Amino acid sequence: MKKSKLFDFSICSEIGKDTLWAELIMFCKHLIDSNKPIEVSEVIRKRTNSQNNSIHLYCSMIARQLNDIGLTYVFTNPIGWDVELVWNTEIVKEYIWRPVQKEMFQIESTKDLKMSGEIEQIIQVLDKAFAERGIDVEFPSMQAFMNKKDIENYENK
């Protein structure tokens, strides 16, 4: 049986509008009266490009702090030698961010993270782990940027 899409009715987070619900109910009644199938599904919004950029910037900021305090990333290469590397964005993302993400949500790629909730939960875990080791990195956001500017303006007065 071929599926055909009759109508895509999107409901945003502002679902409290009576007219929106009334229209949806009327449309569903019309479909039922016409013996048309109705399929309801939840659309899970994935992380945005801005969130992805912020994750990369956050990983870069962590790498910079780890390097500043003299920590290095050590791995054993295929011939059995321990090799020390300076931290960079990709190493932080692969060996700090991604393991937490996988453990918490069983999600391999950041592109599959939900737009709200999951990124914030990972940040909370990482912030706590870093804070316990004396490392303070604030996740990049407009609010964090504005807070930093407010502090700089206050200190320059």
Protein backbone atom coordinates (compact mmCIF):
# COMPACT_ATOMS: atom_id res chain seq x y z
CA MET A 1 0.00 0.00 0.00
CA LYS A 2 1.46 3.33 -1.07
CA LYS A 3 1.57 5.97 1.62
CA SER A 4 0.61 9.43 0.58
CA LYS A 5 1.08 12.49 2.68
CA LEU A 6 -2.20 14.36 2.77
CA PHE A 7 -1.37 17.09 5.21
CA ASP A 8 1.46 18.04 7.49
CA PHE A 9 0.08 19.75 10.56
CA SER A 10 2.91 21.07 12.71
CA ILE A 11 2.27 22.09 16.28
CA CYS A 12 4.96 24.23 17.81
CA SER A 13 5.60 24.58 21.52
CA GLU A 14 2.81 27.17 21.76
CA ILE A 15 0.04 24.54 21.68
CA GLY A 16 -2.25 26.42 24.01
CA LYS A 17 -3.95 28.31 21.22
CA ASP A 18 -7.60 27.25 21.03
CA THR A 19 -7.93 27.95 17.33
CA LEU A 20 -4.99 25.71 16.49
CA TRP A 21 -6.51 22.80 18.40
CA ALA A 22 -9.94 23.44 16.95
CA GLU A 23 -8.56 23.37 13.40
CA LEU A 24 -6.63 20.18 14.10
CA ILE A 25 -9.70 18.46 15.54
CA MET A 26 -11.86 19.57 12.61
CA PHE A 27 -9.29 18.28 10.14
CA CYS A 28 -9.01 14.91 11.93
CA LYS A 29 -12.80 14.57 11.96
CA HIS A 30 -12.83 15.28 8.22
CA LEU A 31 -10.24 12.55 7.64
CA ILE A 32 -12.14 10.05 9.78
CA ASP A 33 -15.43 10.85 8.03
CA SER A 34 -13.66 10.33 4.68
CA ASN A 35 -12.21 6.98 5.86
CA LYS A 36 -8.70 8.39 5.50
CA PRO A 37 -5.90 7.07 7.67
CA ILE A 38 -4.41 9.34 10.29
CA GLU A 39 -0.84 9.01 11.39
CA VAL A 40 0.42 11.01 14.33
CA SER A 41 4.12 11.21 15.01
CA GLU A 42 6.38 13.23 17.20
CA VAL A 43 9.04 15.26 15.48
CA ILE A 44 12.17 15.35 17.57
CA ARG A 45 14.22 18.37 16.72
CA LYS A 46 17.94 17.68 16.51
CA ARG A 47 20.65 20.04 17.64
CA THR A 48 21.08 23.20 15.60
CA ASN A 49 24.18 24.39 13.75
CA SER A 50 24.63 27.06 16.43
CA GLN A 51 24.57 24.38 19.12
CA ASN A 52 27.10 22.34 17.14
CA ASN A 53 29.37 25.37 16.83
CA SER A 54 29.02 25.96 20.58
CA ILE A 55 29.95 22.34 21.34
CA HIS A 56 33.09 22.72 19.22
CA LEU A 57 33.96 26.04 20.86
CA TYR A 58 33.38 24.49 24.31
CA CYS A 59 35.72 21.61 23.44
CA SER A 60 38.29 24.12 22.21
CA MET A 61 38.01 26.10 25.45
CA ILE A 62 38.48 22.91 27.49
CA ALA A 63 41.53 21.96 25.40
CA ARG A 64 43.05 25.40 25.99
CA GLN A 65 42.51 25.16 29.76
CA LEU A 66 43.94 21.63 29.94
CA ASN A 67 47.00 22.76 28.00
CA ASP A 68 47.34 25.91 30.15
CA ILE A 69 47.58 23.83 33.34
CA GLY A 70 50.13 21.51 31.74
CA LEU A 71 48.01 18.41 31.21
CA THR A 72 48.70 16.38 28.09
CA TYR A 73 46.75 13.69 26.30
CA VAL A 74 48.66 10.40 26.38
CA PHE A 75 47.83 7.47 24.14
CA THR A 76 49.55 4.25 23.26
CA ASN A 77 50.30 4.03 19.55
CA PRO A 78 50.08 0.77 17.53
CA ILE A 79 53.71 -0.16 18.26
CA GLY A 80 53.19 0.20 22.00
CA TRP A 81 54.77 3.59 22.67
CA ASP A 82 53.09 6.14 24.88
CA VAL A 83 52.76 9.38 22.95
CA GLU A 84 51.98 12.73 24.57
CA LEU A 85 49.91 15.23 22.62
CA VAL A 86 48.64 18.67 23.44
CA TRP A 87 44.88 18.81 23.79
CA ASN A 88 42.84 20.09 20.82
CA THR A 89 39.17 20.38 19.97
CA GLU A 90 38.92 16.98 18.30
CA ILE A 91 40.70 15.10 21.10
CA VAL A 92 38.41 16.70 23.71
CA LYS A 93 35.31 15.95 21.64
CA GLU A 94 36.33 12.35 20.97
CA TYR A 95 37.70 11.36 24.39
CA ILE A 96 35.85 13.61 26.85
CA TRP A 97 32.55 14.78 25.30
CA ARG A 98 31.59 11.70 23.23
CA PRO A 99 32.10 9.06 25.98
CA VAL A 100 29.78 11.03 28.29
CA GLN A 101 27.26 11.43 25.46
CA LYS A 102 27.35 7.69 24.67
CA GLU A 103 27.04 6.68 28.31
CA MET A 104 24.13 9.02 29.00
CA PHE A 105 22.11 8.68 25.79
CA GLN A 106 23.58 5.81 23.74
CA ILE A 107 24.08 8.32 20.92
CA GLU A 108 27.22 8.16 18.78
CA SER A 109 27.08 11.48 16.93
CA THR A 110 26.36 14.97 18.24
CA LYS A 111 24.12 15.52 15.20
CA ASP A 112 21.65 13.05 16.75
CA LEU A 113 21.35 14.93 20.04
CA LYS A 114 17.98 16.51 20.73
CA MET A 115 17.75 20.26 20.39
CA SER A 116 16.84 20.73 24.03
CA GLY A 117 17.81 18.82 27.11
CA GLU A 118 20.54 16.40 26.10
CA ILE A 119 23.30 18.92 25.39
CA GLU A 120 22.53 20.73 28.65
CA GLN A 121 22.72 17.46 30.60
CA ILE A 122 26.11 16.59 29.11
CA ILE A 123 27.38 20.09 29.95
CA GLN A 124 26.21 19.71 33.56
CA VAL A 125 28.13 16.44 33.93
CA LEU A 126 31.29 17.86 32.33
CA ASP A 127 31.09 21.15 34.26
CA LYS A 128 30.84 19.23 37.53
CA ALA A 129 33.75 16.92 36.63
CA PHE A 130 35.96 19.85 35.61
CA ALA A 131 34.94 22.00 38.60
CA GLU A 132 35.95 19.17 40.94
CA ARG A 133 39.43 19.44 39.36
CA GLY A 134 39.59 23.23 39.57
CA ILE A 135 38.82 23.84 35.89
CA ASP A 136 36.07 26.34 35.11
CA VAL A 137 34.79 26.43 31.53
CA GLU A 138 31.44 28.06 30.81
CA PHE A 139 29.53 26.68 27.83
CA PRO A 140 29.42 29.33 25.10
CA SER A 141 26.05 31.03 24.81
CA MET A 142 24.73 34.51 24.24
CA GLN A 143 23.92 34.73 27.96
CA ALA A 144 27.47 33.73 28.91
CA PHE A 145 28.86 36.27 26.43
CA MET A 146 26.66 39.04 27.84
CA ASN A 147 27.59 38.11 31.43
CA LYS A 148 31.29 38.30 30.53
CA LYS A 149 30.80 41.68 28.84
CA ASP A 150 28.91 42.98 31.91
CA ILE A 151 31.78 41.92 34.18
CA GLU A 152 34.39 43.47 31.87
CA ASN A 153 32.41 46.74 31.71
CA TYR A 154 32.05 46.79 35.50
CA GLU A 155 35.77 46.12 36.05
CA ASN A 156 36.78 48.84 33.55
CA LYS A 157 34.80 51.58 35.35
